[in-house]
C-alpha atoms as a PDB file:
ATOM      1  CA  MET A   1      97.880 163.581  53.537  1.00  0.00           C
ATOM      2  CA  GLU A   2      94.997 161.220  52.996  1.00  0.00           C
ATOM      3  CA  SER A   3      91.928 162.580  51.321  1.00  0.00           C
ATOM      4  CA  PHE A   4      89.015 163.625  53.503  1.00  0.00           C
ATOM      5  CA  PHE A   5      86.758 162.751  50.590  1.00  0.00           C
ATOM      6  CA  LYS A   6      87.602 159.131  49.834  1.00  0.00           C
ATOM      7  CA  ASN A   7      87.810 155.909  51.773  1.00  0.00           C
ATOM      8  CA  ASP A   8      90.583 153.306  51.464  1.00  0.00           C
ATOM      9  CA  GLU A   9      88.916 151.883  48.353  1.00  0.00           C
ATOM     10  CA  GLY A  10      88.800 155.313  46.692  1.00  0.00           C
ATOM     11  CA  HIS A  11      85.026 155.727  47.028  1.00  0.00           C
ATOM     12  CA  ASN A  12      83.593 159.139  47.847  1.00  0.00           C
ATOM     13  CA  VAL A  13      82.520 159.501  51.478  1.00  0.00           C
ATOM     14  CA  THR A  14      81.409 162.178  53.904  1.00  0.00           C
ATOM     15  CA  VAL A  15      83.100 162.908  57.196  1.00  0.00           C
ATOM     16  CA  ASN A  16      81.494 161.156  60.148  1.00  0.00           C
ATOM     17  CA  GLY A  17      82.691 160.660  63.713  1.00  0.00           C
ATOM     18  CA  ASP A  18      84.697 157.531  62.928  1.00  0.00           C
ATOM     19  CA  ARG A  19      86.447 159.114  59.940  1.00  0.00           C
ATOM     20  CA  TYR A  20      87.129 162.329  61.854  1.00  0.00           C
ATOM     21  CA  ARG A  21      88.665 160.417  64.774  1.00  0.00           C
ATOM     22  CA  ALA A  22      90.707 158.295  62.362  1.00  0.00           C
ATOM     23  CA  MET A  23      92.089 161.461  60.759  1.00  0.00           C
ATOM     24  CA  ILE A  24      92.977 162.856  64.184  1.00  0.00           C
ATOM     25  CA  THR A  25      94.545 159.577  65.327  1.00  0.00           C
ATOM     26  CA  ASN A  26      96.337 158.590  62.120  1.00  0.00           C
ATOM     27  CA  PHE A  27      97.430 161.960  60.772  1.00  0.00           C
ATOM     28  CA  PHE A  28      96.974 164.914  63.097  1.00  0.00           C
ATOM     29  CA  ILE A  29      98.377 163.543  66.367  1.00  0.00           C
ATOM     30  CA  PRO A  30     101.423 161.900  64.717  1.00  0.00           C
ATOM     31  CA  GLU A  31     102.096 165.210  62.940  1.00  0.00           C
ATOM     32  CA  LEU A  32     101.872 167.070  66.265  1.00  0.00           C
ATOM     33  CA  ASN A  33     104.373 164.642  67.777  1.00  0.00           C
ATOM     34  CA  ASN A  34     106.953 166.034  65.328  1.00  0.00           C
ATOM     35  CA  HIS A  35     106.663 169.506  66.880  1.00  0.00           C
ATOM     36  CA  ASP A  36     106.900 171.154  70.278  1.00  0.00           C
ATOM     37  CA  VAL A  37     103.225 171.626  71.069  1.00  0.00           C
ATOM     38  CA  GLN A  38     103.096 171.377  74.847  1.00  0.00           C
ATOM     39  CA  GLU A  39     101.017 174.542  75.105  1.00  0.00           C
ATOM     40  CA  LEU A  40      98.992 174.108  71.907  1.00  0.00           C
ATOM     41  CA  TRP A  41      95.245 174.653  72.105  1.00  0.00           C
ATOM     42  CA  PHE A  42      92.792 172.842  69.832  1.00  0.00           C
ATOM     43  CA  GLN A  43      89.606 174.552  68.673  1.00  0.00           C
ATOM     44  CA  GLN A  44      86.770 173.112  66.619  1.00  0.00           C
ATOM     45  CA  ASP A  45      83.204 174.058  65.840  1.00  0.00           C
ATOM     46  CA  ASP A  46      80.120 172.144  66.880  1.00  0.00           C
ATOM     47  CA  ALA A  47      79.720 169.857  63.857  1.00  0.00           C
ATOM     48  CA  THR A  48      78.232 166.555  64.988  1.00  0.00           C
ATOM     49  CA  CYS A  49      81.334 164.509  64.143  1.00  0.00           C
ATOM     50  CA  HIS A  50      83.419 166.968  66.211  1.00  0.00           C
ATOM     51  CA  THR A  51      81.253 166.774  69.312  1.00  0.00           C
ATOM     52  CA  ALA A  52      80.585 163.045  69.534  1.00  0.00           C
ATOM     53  CA  ARG A  53      81.516 161.750  72.992  1.00  0.00           C
ATOM     54  CA  ALA A  54      84.273 159.513  71.580  1.00  0.00           C
ATOM     55  CA  THR A  55      85.762 162.475  69.689  1.00  0.00           C
ATOM     56  CA  ILE A  56      85.711 164.752  72.734  1.00  0.00           C
ATOM     57  CA  ASP A  57      87.309 162.001  74.852  1.00  0.00           C
ATOM     58  CA  LEU A  58      90.080 161.540  72.262  1.00  0.00           C
ATOM     59  CA  LEU A  59      90.748 165.277  72.120  1.00  0.00           C
ATOM     60  CA  LYS A  60      90.702 165.635  75.917  1.00  0.00           C
ATOM     61  CA  ASP A  61      93.265 162.818  76.143  1.00  0.00           C
ATOM     62  CA  THR A  62      95.464 164.727  73.702  1.00  0.00           C
ATOM     63  CA  PHE A  63      94.918 168.357  74.726  1.00  0.00           C
ATOM     64  CA  GLY A  64      93.614 168.138  78.286  1.00  0.00           C
ATOM     65  CA  ASP A  65      92.026 171.438  79.288  1.00  0.00           C
ATOM     66  CA  ARG A  66      93.345 173.122  76.115  1.00  0.00           C
ATOM     67  CA  LEU A  67      90.312 172.082  74.047  1.00  0.00           C
ATOM     68  CA  ILE A  68      87.801 174.664  72.842  1.00  0.00           C
ATOM     69  CA  SER A  69      84.735 172.772  71.680  1.00  0.00           C
ATOM     70  CA  ARG A  70      81.110 172.195  72.453  1.00  0.00           C
ATOM     71  CA  PHE A  71      81.168 169.648  75.301  1.00  0.00           C
ATOM     72  CA  GLY A  72      84.874 170.360  75.834  1.00  0.00           C
ATOM     73  CA  PRO A  73      86.595 171.909  78.855  1.00  0.00           C
ATOM     74  CA  VAL A  74      86.286 175.363  77.234  1.00  0.00           C
ATOM     75  CA  ASN A  75      82.961 175.766  75.472  1.00  0.00           C
ATOM     76  CA  TRP A  76      82.864 176.970  71.884  1.00  0.00           C
ATOM     77  CA  PRO A  77      81.694 180.607  72.033  1.00  0.00           C
ATOM     78  CA  PRO A  78      78.161 180.876  70.607  1.00  0.00           C
ATOM     79  CA  ARG A  79      77.716 183.183  67.613  1.00  0.00           C
ATOM     80  CA  SER A  80      81.443 183.798  67.653  1.00  0.00           C
ATOM     81  CA  CYS A  81      82.251 184.294  63.984  1.00  0.00           C
ATOM     82  CA  ASP A  82      83.950 187.593  64.809  1.00  0.00           C
ATOM     83  CA  LEU A  83      86.227 185.855  67.332  1.00  0.00           C
ATOM     84  CA  THR A  84      87.567 182.895  65.409  1.00  0.00           C
ATOM     85  CA  PRO A  85      90.052 183.289  62.546  1.00  0.00           C
ATOM     86  CA  LEU A  86      88.762 180.074  61.005  1.00  0.00           C
ATOM     87  CA  ASP A  87      85.333 181.679  60.604  1.00  0.00           C
ATOM     88  CA  TYR A  88      86.112 185.309  59.816  1.00  0.00           C
ATOM     89  CA  PHE A  89      89.090 184.549  57.592  1.00  0.00           C
ATOM     90  CA  LEU A  90      90.028 181.017  56.604  1.00  0.00           C
ATOM     91  CA  TRP A  91      86.734 179.492  55.464  1.00  0.00           C
ATOM     92  CA  VAL A  92      85.699 182.653  53.595  1.00  0.00           C
ATOM     93  CA  TYR A  93      89.104 182.961  51.928  1.00  0.00           C
ATOM     94  CA  VAL A  94      89.396 179.280  51.009  1.00  0.00           C
ATOM     95  CA  LYS A  95      85.817 179.003  49.757  1.00  0.00           C
ATOM     96  CA  SER A  96      86.164 182.067  47.525  1.00  0.00           C
ATOM     97  CA  LEU A  97      89.223 180.593  45.796  1.00  0.00           C
ATOM     98  CA  VAL A  98      88.154 176.944  45.788  1.00  0.00           C
ATOM     99  CA  TYR A  99      84.900 177.724  43.976  1.00  0.00           C
ATOM    100  CA  ALA A 100      86.315 180.451  41.696  1.00  0.00           C
ATOM    101  CA  ASP A 101      86.602 178.047  38.740  1.00  0.00           C
ATOM    102  CA  LYS A 102      83.349 176.206  39.591  1.00  0.00           C
ATOM    103  CA  PRO A 103      84.731 172.675  40.090  1.00  0.00           C
ATOM    104  CA  GLN A 104      82.452 170.071  38.536  1.00  0.00           C
ATOM    105  CA  THR A 105      83.910 166.929  40.091  1.00  0.00           C
ATOM    106  CA  LEU A 106      84.906 165.883  43.575  1.00  0.00           C
ATOM    107  CA  ASP A 107      88.483 165.347  42.369  1.00  0.00           C
ATOM    108  CA  HIS A 108      88.611 168.908  41.045  1.00  0.00           C
ATOM    109  CA  LEU A 109      87.144 170.254  44.299  1.00  0.00           C
ATOM    110  CA  GLU A 110      89.659 168.277  46.343  1.00  0.00           C
ATOM    111  CA  TYR A 111      92.524 169.494  44.140  1.00  0.00           C
ATOM    112  CA  ASN A 112      91.406 173.107  44.588  1.00  0.00           C
ATOM    113  CA  ILE A 113      91.190 172.747  48.375  1.00  0.00           C
ATOM    114  CA  HIS A 114      94.688 171.270  48.603  1.00  0.00           C
ATOM    115  CA  ARG A 115      96.076 173.956  46.258  1.00  0.00           C
ATOM    116  CA  VAL A 116      94.475 176.888  48.080  1.00  0.00           C
ATOM    117  CA  ILE A 117      95.535 175.670  51.538  1.00  0.00           C
ATOM    118  CA  ALA A 118      99.093 174.967  50.324  1.00  0.00           C
ATOM    119  CA  ASP A 119      99.335 178.496  48.896  1.00  0.00           C
ATOM    120  CA  ILE A 120      98.581 180.220  52.217  1.00  0.00           C
ATOM    121  CA  ARG A 121     101.806 181.926  53.275  1.00  0.00           C
ATOM    122  CA  PRO A 122     103.062 182.476  56.835  1.00  0.00           C
ATOM    123  CA  GLN A 123     102.932 186.256  56.294  1.00  0.00           C
ATOM    124  CA  MET A 124      99.204 186.048  55.625  1.00  0.00           C
ATOM    125  CA  LEU A 125      98.672 184.020  58.798  1.00  0.00           C
ATOM    126  CA  GLU A 126     100.738 186.537  60.782  1.00  0.00           C
ATOM    127  CA  LYS A 127      98.387 189.312  59.620  1.00  0.00           C
ATOM    128  CA  VAL A 128      95.350 187.213  60.547  1.00  0.00           C
ATOM    129  CA  ILE A 129      96.742 186.591  64.044  1.00  0.00           C
ATOM    130  CA  GLU A 130      97.522 190.314  64.475  1.00  0.00           C
ATOM    131  CA  ASN A 131      93.936 191.100  63.481  1.00  0.00           C
ATOM    132  CA  TRP A 132      92.618 188.439  65.843  1.00  0.00           C
ATOM    133  CA  MET A 133      94.615 189.874  68.739  1.00  0.00           C
ATOM    134  CA  SER A 134      93.180 193.325  67.964  1.00  0.00           C
ATOM    135  CA  ARG A 135      89.687 191.852  68.055  1.00  0.00           C
ATOM    136  CA  LEU A 136      90.369 190.238  71.424  1.00  0.00           C
ATOM    137  CA  ASP A 137      91.762 193.510  72.804  1.00  0.00           C
ATOM    138  CA  TYR A 138      88.641 195.326  71.618  1.00  0.00           C
ATOM    139  CA  ILE A 139      86.352 192.748  73.202  1.00  0.00           C
ATOM    140  CA  ARG A 140      88.215 192.960  76.507  1.00  0.00           C
ATOM    141  CA  ALA A 141      88.075 196.758  76.479  1.00  0.00           C
ATOM    142  CA  SER A 142      84.377 196.831  75.565  1.00  0.00           C
ATOM    143  CA  ARG A 143      83.502 194.003  77.968  1.00  0.00           C
ATOM    144  CA  GLY A 144      82.091 191.821  75.217  1.00  0.00           C
ATOM    145  CA  SER A 145      79.849 194.331  73.480  1.00  0.00           C
ATOM    146  CA  PRO A 146      79.263 193.993  69.717  1.00  0.00           C
ATOM    147  CA  MET A 147      82.041 195.200  67.460  1.00  0.00           C
ATOM    148  CA  PRO A 148      80.401 196.191  64.147  1.00  0.00           C
ATOM    149  CA  GLU A 149      83.135 198.666  63.200  1.00  0.00           C
ATOM    150  CA  ILE A 150      85.804 195.948  62.983  1.00  0.00           C
ATOM    151  CA  ILE A 151      83.908 192.792  62.065  1.00  0.00           C
ATOM    152  CA  PHE A 152      84.602 193.046  58.341  1.00  0.00           C
ATOM    153  CA  LYS A 153      88.118 194.495  58.449  1.00  0.00           C
ATOM    154  CA  ILE A 154      90.945 192.038  57.917  1.00  0.00           C
END
C-alpha cells in the first residue's frame, strides 16, 4: 500500500482532503471490489479531511446509507469513545506499540505503524468485536446511560 506520509516524489506530507479521497479512490475502493461487501458499513471520525463535502459525497456514492460520519447519513456519535472499537482499542493499542521504541524519523514511525497493524491477528479482532457487542448490549439495556464499569475492560 502507498504511504500515507509521502507524496509521489517521496516528500513528507500530511493527510488533507485531496490525499484522503485519493487513498479511498485508488486503494480502498479497489480493495473492497475484491471482496463481498454489499452490507459493509463505513465509519470514520470527524477529522476535517474526513468530513469535507467532496469526501462525504464520495463515501455516500460508495456506501449509500451505510456511512457513519459527521455530515453522513448516520451521524458519528458524540463523545463515543466507549462505543467505537477504533477508539477504545485500535488507536490505543497501535499507539502504545508504535511509540514503544521512540521512533526518531518519519520512516521509522511509518515502519512501526505498518509492522504493528500487520501483526494484528484475527483472533484479537474477534475478541474486540465480542467486547464491542457486549458494550452495545449494555447500552441497549441501560437505555444509553454511562457505563463506567466496562469502559476500560477489553
